[in-house]
C-alpha cells in the first residue's frame, strides 16, 4: 500500500478494484472541521449515479 497526500481540491487517478482512504488532521483553535467526500468517476470523468458519491458516515452503498 502506498500513501498519497492531497491538498484541498486535489484529485488522484486510482487503478485498483478496492481503495482504502484515511483522513488525518490535527484539530485545534483556528483549524476548520473536516468534511470529506469522494466522487468515483468513469474514464470519461463522469459520475454514473448517486452510488458513486462517497461521504462521511456512509462507508458503503
Protein backbone atom coordinates (compact mmCIF):
# COMPACT_ATOMS: atom_id res chain seq x y z
CA UNK A 1 0.00 0.00 0.00
CA UNK A 2 1.28 3.45 -0.86
CA UNK A 3 0.33 6.75 0.72
CA UNK A 4 -0.53 9.87 -1.24
CA UNK A 5 -1.06 13.28 0.35
CA UNK A 6 -3.61 15.51 -1.33
CA UNK A 7 -4.13 19.24 -0.97
CA UNK A 8 -7.58 20.84 -0.88
CA UNK A 9 -9.29 20.33 -4.24
CA UNK A 10 -6.71 17.82 -5.48
CA UNK A 11 -7.50 14.51 -7.14
CA UNK A 12 -5.71 11.30 -7.97
CA UNK A 13 -6.38 8.55 -10.52
CA UNK A 14 -6.79 5.11 -8.93
CA UNK A 15 -6.35 1.94 -10.97
CA UNK A 16 -7.48 -0.61 -8.40
CA UNK A 17 -10.68 -2.57 -7.69
CA UNK A 18 -10.52 -1.61 -3.98
CA UNK A 19 -9.45 1.60 -2.27
CA UNK A 20 -8.89 2.49 1.37
CA UNK A 21 -8.91 6.19 2.20
CA UNK A 22 -7.71 7.52 5.54
CA UNK A 23 -8.14 11.13 6.59
CA UNK A 24 -5.82 12.57 9.24
CA UNK A 25 -5.83 16.10 10.65
CA UNK A 26 -4.93 17.89 13.88
CA UNK A 27 -7.89 19.78 15.37
CA UNK A 28 -7.26 22.97 17.29
CA UNK A 29 -8.03 26.67 17.53
CA UNK A 30 -8.38 28.17 14.06
CA UNK A 31 -8.34 24.75 12.38
CA UNK A 32 -11.55 24.08 10.42
CA UNK A 33 -13.61 20.94 10.87
CA UNK A 34 -13.13 18.27 8.21
CA UNK A 35 -15.89 17.22 5.83
CA UNK A 36 -14.52 14.64 3.41
CA UNK A 37 -16.22 13.24 0.35
CA UNK A 38 -15.20 11.41 -2.81
CA UNK A 39 -16.62 11.13 -6.31
CA UNK A 40 -15.99 7.96 -8.27
CA UNK A 41 -15.59 8.90 -11.94
CA UNK A 42 -15.69 6.89 -15.15
CA UNK A 43 -12.86 7.13 -17.68
CA UNK A 44 -14.89 9.95 -19.25
CA UNK A 45 -14.68 11.89 -15.97
CA UNK A 46 -18.38 11.50 -15.11
CA UNK A 47 -20.24 10.12 -12.10
CA UNK A 48 -22.54 7.21 -13.07
CA UNK A 49 -25.15 7.67 -10.31
CA UNK A 50 -25.61 8.54 -6.60
CA UNK A 51 -23.82 5.31 -5.64
CA UNK A 52 -20.57 6.87 -6.90
CA UNK A 53 -20.68 9.61 -4.24
CA UNK A 54 -18.93 8.59 -1.01
CA UNK A 55 -19.17 10.75 2.10
CA UNK A 56 -18.67 10.68 5.87
CA UNK A 57 -20.75 8.13 7.77
CA UNK A 58 -21.65 6.31 4.53
CA UNK A 59 -18.74 3.89 4.05
CA UNK A 60 -20.68 1.55 1.73
CA UNK A 61 -23.55 1.80 -0.72
